[in-house]
């Protein structure tokens, strides 16, 4: 049941489910839209300054690691941890100075009472995210299983108890900081068991290969930042309206986590043998299609019943946005980026992502102006669809790989049609 790839998927799911849990818990405890919006703003801040280089460096590590000799494999993991610490410290100091010096782009964060403890959490938690990937690459699967099964419940517990007992978000974030510090210590002890030194010769191939992946992740992930910024600008910085948007603009966390875990975990197999890797990819994707699409269809069909129960009536206006974001499962289930990455064509991912960003920016601005918040949701689906179509076209032109080699096409088509039909039935 707990195969290595599934463990990596479970880790990604739990990481994203935690964000959904925060979104559920705060309105359940009757925090105001302004307080919830402030917490969401801080999460956007941390995401904006970390998602691109974390994603790019991890993808680069997954690509470079399999071809290294054993001794070098151990050294690069230790050096990668030190690199994560250095980059994380740089961005936290940059944000902290921006807030302290009242730089305009950071002014809205200075008034948030728990901003500094959140930055400490950001500093420690960011490099700690390397732990599960290091265990996966080192094939320490038993320890990976323990980490996956223990980490998420501990995270939820340390965040929830202070909110339930003391009604204090600052103490909840302090609990998250303690959780991140524990994972950080585990990773330190794990890294120091290797020959620990910053080997430029080992890191250079990883960093070099990661550069276009970092750029690709940056321009691709900027979509969420741009959307949030547009909402803040268009509605004059209203935290309440921003919270309405954020509660609707959520993909199902288990979908993104499952396919992100599969995409990263399958890269070594694709590098060793492309045909066997594609077979494993289709086989694993089929299992996921039978899971994520039925759940998405049910959520779409009954959204007006469960959404207010989960997030309270104060976020009823988020439902139309959420329904459009459910369509992203159609795009997420096509793993073009993982195959392109495994084949060594990381540069084209940067080009595709840049074109996607331009489309997203134009469509989001026009959609917001014409349709309001739901217009941003339509723009997001349009941009993600372009990314997948461009990736499929490149794979076909470069390697003759078509969609049916990546996914079980007819199951995917069947489920996609059902999801669309359920949307219009529950209009």
Protein backbone atom coordinates (compact mmCIF):
# COMPACT_ATOMS: atom_id res chain seq x y z
CA UNK A 1 0.00 0.00 0.00
CA UNK A 2 2.69 2.52 1.02
CA UNK A 3 4.89 2.47 -2.07
CA UNK A 4 7.66 5.10 -2.23
CA UNK A 5 5.76 7.23 -4.76
CA UNK A 6 2.57 7.03 -2.70
CA UNK A 7 4.46 8.14 0.38
CA UNK A 8 5.72 11.16 -1.52
CA UNK A 9 2.17 11.81 -2.69
CA UNK A 10 0.91 11.53 0.88
CA UNK A 11 3.50 14.09 2.00
CA UNK A 12 2.39 16.57 -0.66
CA UNK A 13 -1.28 15.98 0.13
CA UNK A 14 -0.80 16.52 3.87
CA UNK A 15 1.18 19.70 3.23
CA UNK A 16 -1.66 21.15 1.17
CA UNK A 17 -4.42 19.76 3.37
CA UNK A 18 -2.94 21.69 6.27
CA UNK A 19 -3.64 24.95 4.41
CA UNK A 20 -7.24 23.82 3.84
CA UNK A 21 -7.53 22.93 7.54
CA UNK A 22 -6.46 26.46 8.52
CA UNK A 23 -9.13 27.81 6.17
CA UNK A 24 -11.75 25.61 7.87
CA UNK A 25 -10.68 26.21 11.47
CA UNK A 26 -10.53 30.02 11.51
CA UNK A 27 -14.14 30.71 10.44
CA UNK A 28 -15.29 27.78 12.60
CA UNK A 29 -13.81 29.61 15.60
CA UNK A 30 -15.61 32.82 14.52
CA UNK A 31 -12.59 34.85 13.52
CA UNK A 32 -13.55 37.89 11.46
CA UNK A 33 -12.99 38.16 7.71
CA UNK A 34 -10.32 40.80 8.37
CA UNK A 35 -8.35 38.50 10.70
CA UNK A 36 -8.71 35.57 8.30
CA UNK A 37 -7.69 37.82 5.40
CA UNK A 38 -4.55 38.91 7.32
CA UNK A 39 -3.54 35.28 7.89
CA UNK A 40 -4.18 34.51 4.21
CA UNK A 41 -2.06 37.51 3.20
CA UNK A 42 0.88 36.17 5.21
CA UNK A 43 0.55 32.77 3.58
CA UNK A 44 0.57 34.47 0.18
CA UNK A 45 3.67 36.42 1.26
CA UNK A 46 5.55 33.26 2.25
CA UNK A 47 4.42 31.46 -0.89
CA UNK A 48 5.46 34.38 -3.12
CA UNK A 49 9.04 34.36 -1.85
CA UNK A 50 9.61 30.61 -1.74
CA UNK A 51 7.52 28.54 -4.17
CA UNK A 52 9.67 29.14 -7.25
CA UNK A 53 13.12 28.32 -5.92
CA UNK A 54 11.90 25.42 -3.74
CA UNK A 55 10.11 23.82 -6.70
CA UNK A 56 12.96 24.44 -9.13
CA UNK A 57 15.75 23.20 -6.84
CA UNK A 58 13.83 20.08 -5.79
CA UNK A 59 13.05 19.21 -9.43
CA UNK A 60 16.71 19.78 -10.29
CA UNK A 61 17.81 17.58 -7.39
CA UNK A 62 15.43 14.80 -8.48
CA UNK A 63 16.85 14.95 -12.00
CA UNK A 64 20.57 15.12 -11.14
CA UNK A 65 20.65 12.75 -8.14
CA UNK A 66 20.05 9.38 -9.96
CA UNK A 67 23.13 9.75 -12.20
CA UNK A 68 25.59 10.51 -9.37
CA UNK A 69 27.89 7.95 -7.71
CA UNK A 70 26.92 6.89 -4.18
CA UNK A 71 29.41 9.09 -2.33
CA UNK A 72 28.40 12.14 -4.33
CA UNK A 73 24.71 11.43 -3.71
CA UNK A 74 25.23 11.74 0.02
CA UNK A 75 27.26 14.91 -0.32
CA UNK A 76 24.79 16.67 -2.60
CA UNK A 77 21.92 16.11 -0.16
CA UNK A 78 23.91 17.71 2.65
CA UNK A 79 25.00 20.59 0.43
CA UNK A 80 21.43 21.07 -0.85
CA UNK A 81 20.21 21.45 2.75
CA UNK A 82 22.79 24.17 3.41
CA UNK A 83 21.79 25.88 0.16
CA UNK A 84 18.12 25.85 1.24
CA UNK A 85 19.06 27.43 4.59
CA UNK A 86 21.07 30.20 2.91
CA UNK A 87 18.36 31.08 0.38
CA UNK A 88 15.61 30.95 3.00
CA UNK A 89 17.56 33.29 5.30
CA UNK A 90 18.14 35.73 2.44
CA UNK A 91 14.45 36.07 1.64
CA UNK A 92 13.31 36.31 5.26
CA UNK A 93 15.86 39.09 5.90
CA UNK A 94 14.69 40.82 2.71
CA UNK A 95 11.03 40.70 3.81
CA UNK A 96 11.87 41.72 7.37
CA UNK A 97 13.83 44.77 6.20
CA UNK A 98 11.03 45.68 3.81
CA UNK A 99 8.49 45.66 6.64
CA UNK A 100 10.79 47.43 9.13
CA UNK A 101 11.77 50.17 6.65
CA UNK A 102 8.14 50.69 5.58
CA UNK A 103 8.78 49.95 1.91
CA UNK A 104 5.43 50.48 0.13
CA UNK A 105 4.98 46.93 -1.11
CA UNK A 106 5.26 45.63 2.48
CA UNK A 107 3.28 48.35 4.29
CA UNK A 108 0.06 46.31 4.55
CA UNK A 109 1.93 43.59 6.48
CA UNK A 110 3.31 45.85 9.21
CA UNK A 111 -0.12 46.25 10.83
CA UNK A 112 -0.57 42.47 11.20
CA UNK A 113 0.21 41.67 14.87
CA UNK A 114 1.59 38.18 14.22
CA UNK A 115 3.78 39.03 11.22
CA UNK A 116 7.15 38.55 12.98
CA UNK A 117 6.42 35.15 14.47
CA UNK A 118 5.14 34.10 11.04
CA UNK A 119 8.47 35.14 9.48
CA UNK A 120 10.31 32.98 12.02
CA UNK A 121 8.08 30.07 11.04
CA UNK A 122 8.79 30.79 7.36
CA UNK A 123 12.56 30.85 8.03
CA UNK A 124 12.60 27.43 9.71
CA UNK A 125 9.89 25.62 7.77
CA UNK A 126 11.20 26.37 4.27
CA UNK A 127 14.45 24.33 4.41
CA UNK A 128 12.69 21.66 6.51
CA UNK A 129 10.57 20.82 3.44
CA UNK A 130 13.63 19.04 2.03
CA UNK A 131 13.36 16.26 4.64
CA UNK A 132 10.92 13.93 2.87
CA UNK A 133 12.63 14.30 -0.52
CA UNK A 134 16.01 13.43 1.03
CA UNK A 135 14.52 10.30 2.62
CA UNK A 136 12.90 9.36 -0.71
CA UNK A 137 16.10 9.73 -2.72
CA UNK A 138 18.15 7.86 -0.12
CA UNK A 139 15.50 5.07 -0.20
CA UNK A 140 14.95 5.36 3.56
CA UNK A 141 11.33 4.42 2.99
CA UNK A 142 10.57 3.26 6.54
CA UNK A 143 11.70 6.62 7.92
CA UNK A 144 9.78 8.36 5.16
CA UNK A 145 6.63 6.50 6.22
CA UNK A 146 7.13 7.51 9.87
CA UNK A 147 7.72 11.13 8.88
CA UNK A 148 4.60 11.25 6.70
CA UNK A 149 2.34 9.63 9.29
CA UNK A 150 3.57 11.63 12.29
CA UNK A 151 4.30 15.07 10.85
CA UNK A 152 0.85 16.12 9.64
CA UNK A 153 -1.14 15.23 12.83
CA UNK A 154 1.53 16.97 14.94
CA UNK A 155 1.29 20.08 12.77
CA UNK A 156 -2.50 20.23 13.09
CA UNK A 157 -2.34 19.65 16.85
CA UNK A 158 0.23 22.37 17.53
CA UNK A 159 -1.72 24.91 15.49
CA UNK A 160 -5.20 24.03 16.75
CA UNK A 161 -4.69 23.76 20.52
CA UNK A 162 -3.60 27.41 21.07
CA UNK A 163 -6.52 28.64 18.96
CA UNK A 164 -9.03 26.48 20.82
CA UNK A 165 -7.73 27.21 24.34
CA UNK A 166 -6.38 30.76 24.09
CA UNK A 167 -8.19 32.19 21.01
CA UNK A 168 -4.87 33.53 19.76
CA UNK A 169 -3.56 33.22 16.18
CA UNK A 170 -0.07 34.29 17.28
CA UNK A 171 0.17 31.29 19.62
CA UNK A 172 -1.11 29.04 16.83
CA UNK A 173 1.70 30.21 14.57
CA UNK A 174 4.12 29.70 17.47
CA UNK A 175 2.95 26.09 17.58
CA UNK A 176 3.64 25.77 13.84
CA UNK A 177 7.11 27.21 14.44
CA UNK A 178 7.84 24.54 17.08
CA UNK A 179 6.66 21.87 14.63
CA UNK A 180 8.92 23.25 11.87
CA UNK A 181 11.86 23.48 14.29
CA UNK A 182 11.50 19.80 15.20
CA UNK A 183 11.60 18.82 11.50
CA UNK A 184 14.53 21.17 10.99
CA UNK A 185 16.50 19.46 13.76
CA UNK A 186 15.79 16.03 12.29
CA UNK A 187 17.09 17.22 8.92
CA UNK A 188 20.21 18.69 10.54
CA UNK A 189 21.07 15.39 12.23
CA UNK A 190 20.33 13.55 9.00
CA UNK A 191 22.53 15.89 6.95
CA UNK A 192 25.42 15.81 9.41
CA UNK A 193 25.52 12.03 9.08
CA UNK A 194 26.89 12.73 5.59
CA UNK A 195 30.22 14.38 4.70
CA UNK A 196 28.84 17.89 5.20
CA UNK A 197 30.41 20.57 3.03
CA UNK A 198 29.32 23.04 0.40
CA UNK A 199 30.71 21.35 -2.72
CA UNK A 200 30.37 23.76 -5.64
CA UNK A 201 31.33 21.08 -8.16
CA UNK A 202 28.42 18.91 -7.03
CA UNK A 203 25.91 21.71 -6.68
CA UNK A 204 26.75 23.40 -9.98
CA UNK A 205 25.03 20.78 -12.22
CA UNK A 206 21.98 20.83 -9.96
CA UNK A 207 21.78 24.64 -9.85
CA UNK A 208 22.50 24.93 -13.57
CA UNK A 209 19.74 22.49 -14.48
CA UNK A 210 17.40 24.06 -11.92
CA UNK A 211 17.68 27.63 -13.27
CA UNK A 212 15.07 27.26 -16.06
CA UNK A 213 12.92 25.18 -13.68
CA UNK A 214 13.10 27.96 -11.09
CA UNK A 215 12.17 30.49 -13.74
CA UNK A 216 9.37 28.23 -14.97
CA UNK A 217 8.01 27.80 -11.43
CA UNK A 218 8.35 31.56 -10.83
CA UNK A 219 6.39 32.70 -13.86
CA UNK A 220 3.91 29.83 -13.47
CA UNK A 221 3.32 30.42 -9.79
CA UNK A 222 3.15 34.19 -10.20
CA UNK A 223 -0.38 33.62 -11.47
CA UNK A 224 -1.63 33.21 -7.88
CA UNK A 225 0.32 36.26 -6.75
CA UNK A 226 -0.94 38.34 -9.68
CA UNK A 227 -4.52 37.29 -9.02
CA UNK A 228 -4.22 38.21 -5.35
CA UNK A 229 -2.60 41.55 -6.21
CA UNK A 230 -5.30 42.36 -8.78
CA UNK A 231 -8.03 41.67 -6.22
CA UNK A 232 -6.27 43.85 -3.63
CA UNK A 233 -5.82 46.67 -6.17
CA UNK A 234 -9.28 46.47 -7.75
CA UNK A 235 -11.08 46.38 -4.39
CA UNK A 236 -8.82 48.97 -2.70
CA UNK A 237 -7.10 46.60 -0.29
CA UNK A 238 -10.26 45.17 1.28
CA UNK A 239 -9.26 42.20 3.47
CA UNK A 240 -12.87 40.97 3.58
CA UNK A 241 -13.21 40.76 -0.23
CA UNK A 242 -9.73 39.25 -0.44
CA UNK A 243 -10.85 36.51 1.96
CA UNK A 244 -13.92 35.84 -0.24
CA UNK A 245 -11.64 35.42 -3.25
CA UNK A 246 -9.10 33.22 -1.44
CA UNK A 247 -11.75 30.87 -0.06
CA UNK A 248 -13.06 30.32 -3.57
CA UNK A 249 -9.73 30.22 -5.38
CA UNK A 250 -8.69 26.87 -3.93
CA UNK A 251 -7.86 23.75 -5.84
CA UNK A 252 -8.55 20.46 -4.16
CA UNK A 253 -5.32 19.98 -2.18
CA UNK A 254 -5.21 16.22 -2.58
CA UNK A 255 -5.32 16.58 -6.39
CA UNK A 256 -2.32 18.87 -6.59
CA UNK A 257 -0.49 16.88 -3.92
CA UNK A 258 -1.12 13.52 -5.57
CA UNK A 259 0.04 14.57 -9.00
CA UNK A 260 2.94 16.65 -7.71
CA UNK A 261 4.15 13.64 -5.74
CA UNK A 262 3.70 11.33 -8.73
CA UNK A 263 5.41 13.78 -11.07
CA UNK A 264 8.48 14.12 -8.86
CA UNK A 265 8.63 10.45 -7.88
CA UNK A 266 8.42 9.16 -11.47
CA UNK A 267 11.33 11.26 -12.77
CA UNK A 268 14.07 8.72 -11.81
CA UNK A 269 12.11 5.92 -13.57
CA UNK A 270 11.65 8.02 -16.70
CA UNK A 271 15.36 8.84 -16.76
CA UNK A 272 16.37 5.17 -16.50
CA UNK A 273 13.96 3.90 -19.19
CA UNK A 274 11.46 6.16 -20.91
CA UNK A 275 9.11 3.38 -22.06
CA UNK A 276 8.96 1.66 -18.67
CA UNK A 277 8.63 5.05 -17.01
CA UNK A 278 5.68 6.03 -19.23
CA UNK A 279 4.01 2.68 -18.49
CA UNK A 280 4.38 3.27 -14.74
CA UNK A 281 3.13 6.83 -15.21
CA UNK A 282 -0.05 5.71 -16.99
CA UNK A 283 -0.66 2.95 -14.47
CA UNK A 284 -0.35 5.30 -11.49
CA UNK A 285 -2.37 7.99 -13.25
CA UNK A 286 -5.25 5.56 -13.84
CA UNK A 287 -5.53 4.90 -10.10
CA UNK A 288 -5.55 8.62 -9.44
CA UNK A 289 -8.21 9.35 -12.07
CA UNK A 290 -10.56 6.89 -10.37
CA UNK A 291 -10.00 8.78 -7.12
CA UNK A 292 -9.83 12.49 -7.91
CA UNK A 293 -12.50 12.81 -10.60
CA UNK A 294 -15.37 11.10 -8.73
CA UNK A 295 -14.62 13.21 -5.65
CA UNK A 296 -14.46 16.38 -7.77
CA UNK A 297 -17.77 15.52 -9.46
CA UNK A 298 -19.49 14.91 -6.12
CA UNK A 299 -18.10 18.14 -4.67
CA UNK A 300 -19.29 20.04 -7.73
CA UNK A 301 -22.75 18.53 -7.61
CA UNK A 302 -23.36 19.17 -3.90
CA UNK A 303 -21.24 22.31 -3.43
CA UNK A 304 -24.15 24.48 -2.24
CA UNK A 305 -24.78 22.02 0.61
CA UNK A 306 -21.31 21.26 1.95
CA UNK A 307 -19.46 24.55 1.31
CA UNK A 308 -21.38 26.69 3.85
CA UNK A 309 -21.24 23.82 6.37
CA UNK A 310 -17.45 23.65 6.04
CA UNK A 311 -16.59 27.34 5.76
CA UNK A 312 -19.74 29.01 7.20
CA UNK A 313 -22.30 31.21 5.43
CA UNK A 314 -19.95 34.17 5.37
CA UNK A 315 -18.19 32.66 2.35
CA UNK A 316 -21.21 31.77 0.20
CA UNK A 317 -20.00 34.29 -2.40
CA UNK A 318 -16.88 32.14 -2.84
CA UNK A 319 -18.81 29.19 -4.31
CA UNK A 320 -18.94 30.35 -7.98
CA UNK A 321 -15.16 30.89 -7.91
CA UNK A 322 -14.53 27.50 -6.33
CA UNK A 323 -16.65 25.71 -8.94
CA UNK A 324 -14.50 27.06 -11.76
CA UNK A 325 -11.30 26.14 -9.89
CA UNK A 326 -12.59 22.56 -9.68
CA UNK A 327 -12.12 22.37 -13.45
CA UNK A 328 -8.36 22.61 -12.95
CA UNK A 329 -8.37 18.88 -12.16
CA UNK A 330 -8.77 18.35 -15.92
CA UNK A 331 -5.40 20.04 -16.48
CA UNK A 332 -3.61 18.76 -13.39
CA UNK A 333 -4.04 15.14 -14.45
CA UNK A 334 -1.88 15.60 -17.58
CA UNK A 335 1.79 15.22 -16.44
CA UNK A 336 3.54 16.99 -19.35
CA UNK A 337 6.04 18.89 -17.19
CA UNK A 338 7.37 15.79 -15.44
CA UNK A 339 8.07 14.03 -18.75
CA UNK A 340 9.69 17.11 -20.29
CA UNK A 341 11.83 17.52 -17.16
CA UNK A 342 12.91 13.85 -17.18
CA UNK A 343 13.90 14.12 -20.85
CA UNK A 344 16.21 17.01 -19.97
CA UNK A 345 14.34 19.81 -21.75
CA UNK A 346 13.98 22.09 -18.77
CA UNK A 347 14.49 25.27 -20.81
CA UNK A 348 11.29 24.82 -22.81
CA UNK A 349 9.32 24.70 -19.56
CA UNK A 350 10.51 28.24 -18.84
CA UNK A 351 9.36 29.43 -22.28
CA UNK A 352 5.93 27.79 -21.91
CA UNK A 353 5.49 29.21 -18.43
CA UNK A 354 6.38 32.71 -19.60
CA UNK A 355 3.75 32.54 -22.37
CA UNK A 356 1.27 31.16 -19.85
CA UNK A 357 1.95 34.06 -17.50
CA UNK A 358 1.32 36.64 -20.26
CA UNK A 359 -1.98 34.96 -21.14
CA UNK A 360 -2.92 34.72 -17.46
CA UNK A 361 -2.14 38.37 -16.74
CA UNK A 362 -4.14 39.71 -19.71
CA UNK A 363 -7.07 37.33 -19.20
CA UNK A 364 -7.21 37.96 -15.42
CA UNK A 365 -7.29 41.73 -15.82
CA UNK A 366 -10.00 41.57 -18.48
CA UNK A 367 -11.95 38.89 -16.59
CA UNK A 368 -11.90 40.88 -13.34
CA UNK A 369 -13.06 44.01 -15.17
CA UNK A 370 -15.89 42.26 -17.04
CA UNK A 371 -17.07 39.53 -14.65
CA UNK A 372 -15.68 40.38 -11.21
CA UNK A 373 -13.95 37.76 -9.05
CA UNK A 374 -15.24 34.83 -11.10
CA UNK A 375 -13.49 36.31 -14.16
CA UNK A 376 -10.13 35.53 -12.53
CA UNK A 377 -11.19 31.91 -12.14
CA UNK A 378 -12.03 31.67 -15.85
CA UNK A 379 -8.66 33.24 -16.71
CA UNK A 380 -6.82 30.73 -14.51
CA UNK A 381 -8.43 27.76 -16.27
CA UNK A 382 -7.65 29.27 -19.68
CA UNK A 383 -3.97 29.80 -18.82
CA UNK A 384 -3.50 26.30 -17.34
CA UNK A 385 -5.14 24.77 -20.42
CA UNK A 386 -2.67 26.60 -22.63
CA UNK A 387 0.27 25.26 -20.59
CA UNK A 388 -0.83 21.65 -21.06
CA UNK A 389 -1.56 22.08 -24.78
CA UNK A 390 1.84 23.69 -25.34
CA UNK A 391 3.60 20.89 -23.42
CA UNK A 392 1.76 18.21 -25.39
CA UNK A 393 2.66 19.89 -28.68
CA UNK A 394 6.34 20.06 -27.69
CA UNK A 395 6.48 16.39 -26.66
CA UNK A 396 4.85 15.38 -29.93
CA UNK A 397 7.23 17.47 -32.07
CA UNK A 398 10.38 16.53 -30.13
CA UNK A 399 9.84 12.87 -29.21
CA UNK A 400 6.62 11.80 -30.91
CA UNK A 401 4.99 11.32 -27.49
CA UNK A 402 1.22 11.85 -27.58
CA UNK A 403 -1.45 12.27 -24.92
CA UNK A 404 -2.48 8.60 -24.90
CA UNK A 405 1.08 7.65 -23.85
CA UNK A 406 0.88 9.90 -20.79
CA UNK A 407 -2.58 9.14 -19.42
CA UNK A 408 -5.45 6.65 -19.85
CA UNK A 409 -7.11 8.98 -22.37
CA UNK A 410 -10.63 7.55 -22.57
CA UNK A 411 -11.06 7.42 -18.79
CA UNK A 412 -9.78 10.99 -18.59
CA UNK A 413 -12.20 12.14 -21.31
CA UNK A 414 -15.13 10.32 -19.71
CA UNK A 415 -14.51 11.85 -16.30
CA UNK A 416 -13.89 15.33 -17.74
CA UNK A 417 -17.24 15.28 -19.53
CA UNK A 418 -19.01 14.17 -16.34
CA UNK A 419 -17.41 17.01 -14.39
CA UNK A 420 -18.54 19.57 -16.98
CA UNK A 421 -22.07 18.14 -17.03
CA UNK A 422 -22.27 18.26 -13.21
CA UNK A 423 -21.30 21.96 -13.35
CA UNK A 424 -24.15 22.86 -15.67
CA UNK A 425 -26.68 20.69 -13.78
CA UNK A 426 -25.78 22.53 -10.58
CA UNK A 427 -25.53 25.98 -12.23
